[in-house]
C-alpha atoms as a PDB file:
ATOM      1  CA  MET A   1       0.000   0.000   0.000  1.00  0.00           C
ATOM      2  CA  TRP A   2       1.172   3.528  -0.725  1.00  0.00           C
ATOM      3  CA  THR A   3       0.991   6.673   1.370  1.00  0.00           C
ATOM      4  CA  ARG A   4       0.724  10.316   0.323  1.00  0.00           C
ATOM      5  CA  SER A   5       3.877  11.311   2.183  1.00  0.00           C
ATOM      6  CA  GLU A   6       5.966   8.667   0.401  1.00  0.00           C
ATOM      7  CA  LEU A   7       4.752   9.737  -3.042  1.00  0.00           C
ATOM      8  CA  LYS A   8       5.310  13.415  -2.305  1.00  0.00           C
ATOM      9  CA  ASP A   9       8.771  12.850  -0.845  1.00  0.00           C
ATOM     10  CA  ARG A  10       9.873  10.968  -3.956  1.00  0.00           C
ATOM     11  CA  ALA A  11       8.325  13.661  -6.168  1.00  0.00           C
ATOM     12  CA  LYS A  12      10.211  16.407  -4.307  1.00  0.00           C
ATOM     13  CA  GLN A  13      13.443  14.479  -4.550  1.00  0.00           C
ATOM     14  CA  GLY A  14      13.067  14.103  -8.311  1.00  0.00           C
ATOM     15  CA  LEU A  15      12.174  17.768  -8.802  1.00  0.00           C
ATOM     16  CA  ARG A  16      15.342  18.960  -7.046  1.00  0.00           C
ATOM     17  CA  THR A  17      17.411  18.326 -10.182  1.00  0.00           C
ATOM     18  CA  SER A  18      14.836  18.892 -12.936  1.00  0.00           C
ATOM     19  CA  TYR A  19      12.252  21.353 -11.626  1.00  0.00           C
ATOM     20  CA  TRP A  20      12.360  23.802 -14.531  1.00  0.00           C
ATOM     21  CA  LYS A  21      11.990  21.055 -17.102  1.00  0.00           C
ATOM     22  CA  ALA A  22       8.990  19.802 -15.145  1.00  0.00           C
ATOM     23  CA  PHE A  23       7.656  23.368 -15.006  1.00  0.00           C
ATOM     24  CA  LEU A  24       7.831  23.743 -18.787  1.00  0.00           C
ATOM     25  CA  VAL A  25       6.048  20.439 -19.340  1.00  0.00           C
ATOM     26  CA  SER A  26       3.373  21.332 -16.768  1.00  0.00           C
ATOM     27  CA  LEU A  27       2.904  24.769 -18.319  1.00  0.00           C
ATOM     28  CA  LEU A  28       2.351  23.173 -21.715  1.00  0.00           C
ATOM     29  CA  LEU A  29      -0.269  20.839 -20.263  1.00  0.00           C
ATOM     30  CA  VAL A  30      -2.030  23.779 -18.581  1.00  0.00           C
ATOM     31  CA  ILE A  31      -2.181  26.171 -21.558  1.00  0.00           C
ATOM     32  CA  ILE A  32      -3.588  23.661 -24.051  1.00  0.00           C
ATOM     33  CA  SER A  33      -7.083  25.075 -24.605  1.00  0.00           C
ATOM     34  CA  GLY A  34      -9.329  26.514 -27.321  1.00  0.00           C
ATOM     35  CA  ASN A  35     -11.470  29.685 -27.549  1.00  0.00           C
ATOM     36  CA  ILE A  36     -14.527  30.228 -29.724  1.00  0.00           C
ATOM     37  CA  PRO A  37     -14.853  33.850 -30.900  1.00  0.00           C
ATOM     38  CA  SER A  38     -18.196  35.544 -30.857  1.00  0.00           C
ATOM     39  CA  CYS A  39     -19.698  38.011 -33.294  1.00  0.00           C
ATOM     40  CA  SER A  40     -22.679  40.376 -33.325  1.00  0.00           C
ATOM     41  CA  PHE A  41     -24.904  41.981 -35.977  1.00  0.00           C
ATOM     42  CA  ARG A  42     -26.953  45.100 -35.983  1.00  0.00           C
ATOM     43  CA  GLY A  43     -29.184  46.531 -38.706  1.00  0.00           C
ATOM     44  CA  ASP A  44     -31.337  49.706 -39.047  1.00  0.00           C
ATOM     45  CA  MET A  45     -34.304  50.705 -41.258  1.00  0.00           C
ATOM     46  CA  GLY A  46     -35.325  54.028 -42.652  1.00  0.00           C
ATOM     47  CA  GLN A  47     -38.578  55.277 -44.189  1.00  0.00           C
ATOM     48  CA  ARG A  48     -39.410  57.981 -46.648  1.00  0.00           C
ATOM     49  CA  ALA A  49     -42.622  59.995 -46.633  1.00  0.00           C
ATOM     50  CA  ASP A  50     -44.226  61.547 -49.724  1.00  0.00           C
ATOM     51  CA  LYS A  51     -47.452  63.401 -50.408  1.00  0.00           C
ATOM     52  CA  GLY A  52     -50.542  61.868 -51.963  1.00  0.00           C
ATOM     53  CA  LYS A  53     -52.521  58.681 -51.647  1.00  0.00           C
ATOM     54  CA  ILE A  54     -50.568  56.775 -54.317  1.00  0.00           C
ATOM     55  CA  ALA A  55     -47.288  57.719 -52.702  1.00  0.00           C
ATOM     56  CA  SER A  56     -48.637  56.585 -49.306  1.00  0.00           C
ATOM     57  CA  MET A  57     -49.672  53.204 -50.706  1.00  0.00           C
ATOM     58  CA  PHE A  58     -46.318  52.841 -52.411  1.00  0.00           C
ATOM     59  CA  ASN A  59     -44.476  53.632 -49.180  1.00  0.00           C
ATOM     60  CA  GLU A  60     -46.576  51.106 -47.276  1.00  0.00           C
ATOM     61  CA  PHE A  61     -45.796  48.436 -49.858  1.00  0.00           C
ATOM     62  CA  LYS A  62     -42.119  49.389 -49.814  1.00  0.00           C
ATOM     63  CA  GLY A  63     -42.077  49.251 -46.007  1.00  0.00           C
ATOM     64  CA  ASN A  64     -43.486  45.740 -46.046  1.00  0.00           C
ATOM     65  CA  MET A  65     -40.872  44.686 -48.570  1.00  0.00           C
ATOM     66  CA  ASP A  66     -38.084  46.276 -46.528  1.00  0.00           C
ATOM     67  CA  GLN A  67     -39.334  44.515 -43.408  1.00  0.00           C
ATOM     68  CA  ALA A  68     -39.397  41.183 -45.203  1.00  0.00           C
ATOM     69  CA  ALA A  69     -35.907  41.821 -46.579  1.00  0.00           C
ATOM     70  CA  ASP A  70     -34.673  42.770 -43.109  1.00  0.00           C
ATOM     71  CA  HIS A  71     -36.051  39.526 -41.671  1.00  0.00           C
ATOM     72  CA  THR A  72     -34.347  37.604 -44.467  1.00  0.00           C
ATOM     73  CA  VAL A  73     -31.027  39.294 -43.681  1.00  0.00           C
ATOM     74  CA  LEU A  74     -31.372  38.532 -39.984  1.00  0.00           C
ATOM     75  CA  LEU A  75     -32.219  34.902 -40.719  1.00  0.00           C
ATOM     76  CA  THR A  76     -29.250  34.641 -43.072  1.00  0.00           C
ATOM     77  CA  VAL A  77     -26.903  36.136 -40.485  1.00  0.00           C
ATOM     78  CA  LEU A  78     -28.302  33.776 -37.828  1.00  0.00           C
ATOM     79  CA  ILE A  79     -27.697  30.752 -40.053  1.00  0.00           C
ATOM     80  CA  ILE A  80     -24.166  31.939 -40.852  1.00  0.00           C
ATOM     81  CA  ALA A  81     -23.469  32.496 -37.139  1.00  0.00           C
ATOM     82  CA  ILE A  82     -24.694  28.981 -36.331  1.00  0.00           C
ATOM     83  CA  ILE A  83     -22.524  27.481 -39.075  1.00  0.00           C
ATOM     84  CA  ILE A  84     -19.484  29.449 -37.873  1.00  0.00           C
ATOM     85  CA  GLY A  85     -20.171  28.310 -34.296  1.00  0.00           C
ATOM     86  CA  ILE A  86     -20.415  24.670 -35.373  1.00  0.00           C
ATOM     87  CA  LEU A  87     -17.214  24.918 -37.425  1.00  0.00           C
ATOM     88  CA  ALA A  88     -15.394  26.613 -34.540  1.00  0.00           C
ATOM     89  CA  ALA A  89     -16.566  23.885 -32.150  1.00  0.00           C
ATOM     90  CA  LEU A  90     -15.372  21.209 -34.578  1.00  0.00           C
ATOM     91  CA  VAL A  91     -11.989  22.915 -34.836  1.00  0.00           C
ATOM     92  CA  VAL A  92     -11.675  23.013 -31.039  1.00  0.00           C
ATOM     93  CA  ILE A  93     -12.683  19.344 -30.759  1.00  0.00           C
ATOM     94  CA  ALA A  94     -10.213  18.358 -33.485  1.00  0.00           C
ATOM     95  CA  PHE A  95      -7.495  20.389 -31.750  1.00  0.00           C
ATOM     96  CA  ARG A  96      -8.245  18.600 -28.494  1.00  0.00           C
ATOM     97  CA  ILE A  97      -8.241  15.145 -30.069  1.00  0.00           C
ATOM     98  CA  PHE A  98      -5.340  15.337 -32.495  1.00  0.00           C
ATOM     99  CA  LEU A  99      -2.942  17.596 -30.598  1.00  0.00           C
ATOM    100  CA  CYS A 100      -3.891  17.808 -26.909  1.00  0.00           C
ATOM    101  CA  PHE A 101      -4.376  14.065 -26.388  1.00  0.00           C
ATOM    102  CA  PRO A 102      -0.937  13.122 -27.784  1.00  0.00           C
ATOM    103  CA  LEU A 103       0.719  15.961 -25.867  1.00  0.00           C
ATOM    104  CA  GLU A 104      -0.964  14.822 -22.658  1.00  0.00           C
ATOM    105  CA  VAL A 105       0.459  11.327 -23.102  1.00  0.00           C
ATOM    106  CA  GLY A 106       3.852  12.850 -23.902  1.00  0.00           C
ATOM    107  CA  GLY A 107       3.667  14.933 -20.731  1.00  0.00           C
ATOM    108  CA  ARG A 108       2.812  11.864 -18.636  1.00  0.00           C
ATOM    109  CA  GLN A 109       5.640   9.989 -20.307  1.00  0.00           C
ATOM    110  CA  TYR A 110       8.047  12.761 -19.326  1.00  0.00           C
ATOM    111  CA  PHE A 111       7.021  12.734 -15.653  1.00  0.00           C
ATOM    112  CA  LYS A 112       7.014   8.938 -15.533  1.00  0.00           C
ATOM    113  CA  GLN A 113      10.501   8.745 -16.971  1.00  0.00           C
ATOM    114  CA  ALA A 114      11.691  11.652 -14.826  1.00  0.00           C
ATOM    115  CA  ALA A 115      10.659   9.633 -11.792  1.00  0.00           C
ATOM    116  CA  LEU A 116      12.986   6.940 -13.146  1.00  0.00           C
ATOM    117  CA  GLU A 117      15.828   9.514 -13.434  1.00  0.00           C
ATOM    118  CA  ASP A 118      15.374  10.128 -17.166  1.00  0.00           C
ATOM    119  CA  ALA A 119      14.238  13.779 -17.287  1.00  0.00           C
ATOM    120  CA  ASN A 120      14.477  14.293 -21.047  1.00  0.00           C
ATOM    121  CA  LEU A 121      12.204  16.874 -22.698  1.00  0.00           C
ATOM    122  CA  ASN A 122      12.208  14.786 -25.875  1.00  0.00           C
ATOM    123  CA  HIS A 123       9.636  12.567 -24.154  1.00  0.00           C
ATOM    124  CA  LEU A 124       7.071  15.289 -24.920  1.00  0.00           C
ATOM    125  CA  GLY A 125       7.084  14.166 -28.546  1.00  0.00           C
ATOM    126  CA  PHE A 126       6.696  10.517 -27.603  1.00  0.00           C
ATOM    127  CA  ALA A 127       3.191  10.181 -29.076  1.00  0.00           C
ATOM    128  CA  PHE A 128       4.136  11.719 -32.433  1.00  0.00           C
ATOM    129  CA  SER A 129       6.541   8.956 -33.399  1.00  0.00           C
ATOM    130  CA  LYS A 130       5.613   6.634 -36.242  1.00  0.00           C
ATOM    131  CA  GLY A 131       3.381   3.781 -35.180  1.00  0.00           C
ATOM    132  CA  ARG A 132       2.283   5.419 -31.928  1.00  0.00           C
ATOM    133  CA  TYR A 133       0.197   8.448 -32.865  1.00  0.00           C
ATOM    134  CA  LEU A 134      -3.052   6.879 -34.084  1.00  0.00           C
ATOM    135  CA  ALA A 135      -3.053   4.222 -31.356  1.00  0.00           C
ATOM    136  CA  ILE A 136      -2.629   6.885 -28.664  1.00  0.00           C
ATOM    137  CA  VAL A 137      -5.310   9.139 -30.176  1.00  0.00           C
ATOM    138  CA  LYS A 138      -7.751   6.221 -30.309  1.00  0.00           C
ATOM    139  CA  GLY A 139      -6.996   5.212 -26.725  1.00  0.00           C
ATOM    140  CA  MET A 140      -7.399   8.727 -25.336  1.00  0.00           C
ATOM    141  CA  LEU A 141     -10.542   9.330 -27.396  1.00  0.00           C
ATOM    142  CA  TRP A 142     -12.110   6.137 -26.059  1.00  0.00           C
ATOM    143  CA  ARG A 143     -11.329   7.190 -22.482  1.00  0.00           C
ATOM    144  CA  ALA A 144     -12.826  10.658 -23.077  1.00  0.00           C
ATOM    145  CA  PHE A 145     -15.950   9.120 -24.609  1.00  0.00           C
ATOM    146  CA  LEU A 146     -16.471   6.811 -21.627  1.00  0.00           C
ATOM    147  CA  ASN A 147     -15.932   9.658 -19.169  1.00  0.00           C
ATOM    148  CA  PHE A 148     -18.461  11.761 -21.094  1.00  0.00           C
ATOM    149  CA  LEU A 149     -21.074   9.004 -20.920  1.00  0.00           C
ATOM    150  CA  TRP A 150     -20.577   8.519 -17.180  1.00  0.00           C
ATOM    151  CA  PHE A 151     -20.863  12.259 -16.486  1.00  0.00           C
ATOM    152  CA  LEU A 152     -24.078  12.317 -18.510  1.00  0.00           C
ATOM    153  CA  LEU A 153     -25.444   9.685 -16.135  1.00  0.00           C
ATOM    154  CA  LEU A 154     -24.614  11.405 -12.830  1.00  0.00           C
ATOM    155  CA  ILE A 155     -21.867  13.623 -11.435  1.00  0.00           C
ATOM    156  CA  ILE A 156     -20.670  11.267  -8.674  1.00  0.00           C
ATOM    157  CA  PRO A 157     -20.357   8.173 -10.925  1.00  0.00           C
ATOM    158  CA  GLY A 158     -18.590  10.400 -13.451  1.00  0.00           C
ATOM    159  CA  ILE A 159     -16.008  11.481 -10.878  1.00  0.00           C
ATOM    160  CA  VAL A 160     -15.468   7.890  -9.734  1.00  0.00           C
ATOM    161  CA  LYS A 161     -14.917   6.701 -13.302  1.00  0.00           C
ATOM    162  CA  ALA A 162     -12.612   9.640 -14.006  1.00  0.00           C
ATOM    163  CA  TYR A 163     -10.344   8.275 -11.279  1.00  0.00           C
ATOM    164  CA  ALA A 164     -10.793   4.733 -12.599  1.00  0.00           C
ATOM    165  CA  TYR A 165      -9.588   5.764 -16.072  1.00  0.00           C
ATOM    166  CA  SER A 166      -6.920   8.227 -14.896  1.00  0.00           C
ATOM    167  CA  MET A 167      -4.038   5.814 -15.527  1.00  0.00           C
ATOM    168  CA  VAL A 168      -4.836   5.401 -19.239  1.00  0.00           C
ATOM    169  CA  PRO A 169      -2.343   8.106 -20.422  1.00  0.00           C
ATOM    170  CA  TYR A 170       0.477   6.444 -18.457  1.00  0.00           C
ATOM    171  CA  ILE A 171      -0.455   2.983 -19.759  1.00  0.00           C
ATOM    172  CA  LEU A 172      -0.476   4.276 -23.333  1.00  0.00           C
ATOM    173  CA  ALA A 173       2.911   5.872 -22.655  1.00  0.00           C
ATOM    174  CA  ASP A 174       4.209   2.446 -21.600  1.00  0.00           C
ATOM    175  CA  ASN A 175       2.651   0.612 -24.544  1.00  0.00           C
ATOM    176  CA  PRO A 176       0.750   2.621 -27.197  1.00  0.00           C
ATOM    177  CA  GLY A 177      -0.291  -0.583 -28.931  1.00  0.00           C
ATOM    178  CA  ILE A 178      -1.934  -2.141 -25.891  1.00  0.00           C
ATOM    179  CA  GLY A 179      -5.403  -1.481 -27.320  1.00  0.00           C
ATOM    180  CA  THR A 180      -8.092   1.010 -26.359  1.00  0.00           C
ATOM    181  CA  ARG A 181     -10.275  -1.347 -24.356  1.00  0.00           C
ATOM    182  CA  ARG A 182      -7.348  -3.054 -22.649  1.00  0.00           C
ATOM    183  CA  ALA A 183      -5.869   0.292 -21.559  1.00  0.00           C
ATOM    184  CA  VAL A 184      -9.168   1.284 -19.947  1.00  0.00           C
ATOM    185  CA  GLU A 185      -9.635  -2.146 -18.386  1.00  0.00           C
ATOM    186  CA  LEU A 186      -6.122  -2.160 -16.957  1.00  0.00           C
ATOM    187  CA  SER A 187      -6.489   1.359 -15.552  1.00  0.00           C
ATOM    188  CA  ASN A 188      -9.765   0.340 -13.950  1.00  0.00           C
ATOM    189  CA  ARG A 189      -8.165  -2.681 -12.304  1.00  0.00           C
ATOM    190  CA  MET A 190      -5.062  -0.757 -11.218  1.00  0.00           C
ATOM    191  CA  THR A 191      -7.132   1.860  -9.403  1.00  0.00           C
ATOM    192  CA  ARG A 192      -9.553  -0.597  -7.799  1.00  0.00           C
ATOM    193  CA  GLY A 193      -9.504  -0.021  -4.042  1.00  0.00           C
ATOM    194  CA  HIS A 194      -7.397   3.139  -4.438  1.00  0.00           C
ATOM    195  CA  LYS A 195      -9.917   5.709  -5.706  1.00  0.00           C
ATOM    196  CA  TRP A 196     -10.716   7.206  -2.304  1.00  0.00           C
ATOM    197  CA  ASN A 197      -7.026   7.549  -1.448  1.00  0.00           C
ATOM    198  CA  MET A 198      -6.449   9.136  -4.867  1.00  0.00           C
ATOM    199  CA  PHE A 199      -9.233  11.631  -4.137  1.00  0.00           C
ATOM    200  CA  VAL A 200      -7.681  12.465  -0.757  1.00  0.00           C
ATOM    201  CA  LEU A 201      -4.297  12.840  -2.476  1.00  0.00           C
ATOM    202  CA  ASP A 202      -5.826  15.472  -4.778  1.00  0.00           C
ATOM    203  CA  LEU A 203      -7.357  17.259  -1.783  1.00  0.00           C
ATOM    204  CA  SER A 204      -3.943  17.375  -0.115  1.00  0.00           C
ATOM    205  CA  PHE A 205      -2.772  19.838  -2.798  1.00  0.00           C
ATOM    206  CA  LEU A 206      -5.628  22.245  -2.058  1.00  0.00           C
ATOM    207  CA  GLY A 207      -3.529  24.303   0.350  1.00  0.00           C
ATOM    208  CA  TRP A 208      -0.805  24.722  -2.250  1.00  0.00           C
ATOM    209  CA  TYR A 209      -3.345  25.862  -4.840  1.00  0.00           C
ATOM    210  CA  LEU A 210      -4.780  28.399  -2.376  1.00  0.00           C
ATOM    211  CA  LEU A 211      -1.309  29.812  -1.786  1.00  0.00           C
ATOM    212  CA  GLY A 212      -0.763  29.962  -5.534  1.00  0.00           C
ATOM    213  CA  THR A 213      -4.057  31.805  -5.965  1.00  0.00           C
ATOM    214  CA  LEU A 214      -2.925  34.467  -3.492  1.00  0.00           C
ATOM    215  CA  ALA A 215       0.023  35.158  -5.820  1.00  0.00           C
ATOM    216  CA  LEU A 216      -2.319  36.495  -8.541  1.00  0.00           C
ATOM    217  CA  LEU A 217      -2.941  32.927  -9.756  1.00  0.00           C
ATOM    218  CA  VAL A 218       0.604  32.740 -11.147  1.00  0.00           C
ATOM    219  CA  GLY A 219       1.711  30.679  -8.175  1.00  0.00           C
ATOM    220  CA  VAL A 220      -0.669  27.907  -9.220  1.00  0.00           C
ATOM    221  CA  LEU A 221       1.570  27.198 -12.210  1.00  0.00           C
ATOM    222  CA  PHE A 222       4.510  26.510  -9.899  1.00  0.00           C
ATOM    223  CA  VAL A 223       2.469  23.904  -8.013  1.00  0.00           C
ATOM    224  CA  GLU A 224       1.719  21.864 -11.147  1.00  0.00           C
ATOM    225  CA  PRO A 225       5.176  20.216 -11.437  1.00  0.00           C
ATOM    226  CA  TYR A 226       4.821  18.960  -7.865  1.00  0.00           C
ATOM    227  CA  VAL A 227       1.342  17.566  -8.575  1.00  0.00           C
ATOM    228  CA  ASN A 228       2.342  15.933 -11.862  1.00  0.00           C
ATOM    229  CA  ALA A 229       5.480  14.401 -10.373  1.00  0.00           C
ATOM    230  CA  THR A 230       3.448  12.958  -7.494  1.00  0.00           C
ATOM    231  CA  LYS A 231       0.869  11.480  -9.897  1.00  0.00           C
ATOM    232  CA  ALA A 232       3.679   9.833 -11.861  1.00  0.00           C
ATOM    233  CA  GLU A 233       5.019   8.300  -8.661  1.00  0.00           C
ATOM    234  CA  LEU A 234       1.522   6.992  -7.943  1.00  0.00           C
ATOM    235  CA  TYR A 235       1.335   5.332 -11.341  1.00  0.00           C
ATOM    236  CA  LEU A 236       4.684   3.606 -10.819  1.00  0.00           C
ATOM    237  CA  VAL A 237       3.425   2.207  -7.510  1.00  0.00           C
ATOM    238  CA  LEU A 238       0.129   1.016  -9.030  1.00  0.00           C
ATOM    239  CA  ARG A 239       1.994  -0.483 -11.985  1.00  0.00           C
ATOM    240  CA  ARG A 240       4.334  -2.383  -9.714  1.00  0.00           C
ATOM    241  CA  GLN A 241       1.382  -3.727  -7.723  1.00  0.00           C
ATOM    242  CA  ALA A 242      -0.390  -4.761 -10.929  1.00  0.00           C
ATOM    243  CA  LEU A 243       2.686  -6.652 -12.104  1.00  0.00           C
ATOM    244  CA  GLN A 244       3.063  -8.386  -8.762  1.00  0.00           C
ATOM    245  CA  ALA A 245      -0.625  -9.352  -8.713  1.00  0.00           C
ATOM    246  CA  GLY A 246      -0.484 -10.727 -12.240  1.00  0.00           C
ATOM    247  CA  ILE A 247      -3.001  -8.188 -13.553  1.00  0.00           C
ATOM    248  CA  SER A 248      -0.495  -7.309 -16.274  1.00  0.00           C
ATOM    249  CA  SER A 249       2.976  -8.393 -17.315  1.00  0.00           C
ATOM    250  CA  ASN A 250       6.330  -6.749 -17.949  1.00  0.00           C
ATOM    251  CA  ALA A 251       6.015  -7.626 -21.620  1.00  0.00           C
ATOM    252  CA  GLU A 252       2.564  -6.041 -21.951  1.00  0.00           C
ATOM    253  CA  LEU A 253       3.695  -2.769 -20.388  1.00  0.00           C
ATOM    254  CA  ASN A 254       7.200  -2.799 -21.901  1.00  0.00           C
ATOM    255  CA  VAL A 255       8.732  -2.750 -18.412  1.00  0.00           C
ATOM    256  CA  PRO A 256      12.251  -4.174 -18.063  1.00  0.00           C
ATOM    257  CA  GLU A 257      12.512  -7.017 -15.583  1.00  0.00           C
ATOM    258  CA  TYR A 258      14.990  -5.108 -13.396  1.00  0.00           C
ATOM    259  CA  GLU A 259      12.404  -2.365 -12.724  1.00  0.00           C
END
């Protein structure tokens, strides 16, 4: 069994020699986001008055036509705005899937390897190597889809399953070709009986985040390396327990026998 103090002590020890590398990786993981721009439209009408009954009838007819044209313009603008919104949302989703997911796995690979005394920033590009990219995207997309379904059901089950699937990025970093369903299954089994302790571990960083918030929110960024390093230490513990229990094997996770 693991304890919070042990994980944090090992994380601190690893960060002593590679903190700024860890900071850069954490900053990259934090700033990956997308924004949808908004737009507005405004139109005005004018009328012209003339003398005589014929002119009055003509103006009335013209006013009706102008009103109809104005409604058509507004409808057209509304349709265009909806299309632009949909396209922007698709761009954000594609950005999240095809860039953020691989970078997240690369970030977890960095912290996992840094915990094993291999703090090399080249690990960030781990997912973009030939033969890994599509497998990692599929695995992360499957995890996101399952999390989405659980959160649609209820908030509490969604949070529980988020912890259950939290090891998927690390598992894909160990073996991108492990398969989408197997990665989720293995993460679920690794975290079985540990979810409450994982939740408490997250709560234990609350004080650090509050201190970071007092420093105009900038201090929060300096807490992230500590959190990420601790999570990597947790994965290594859960992986070792899974190997010892026969839930997985060294060959499946590409773990050398000496580790």
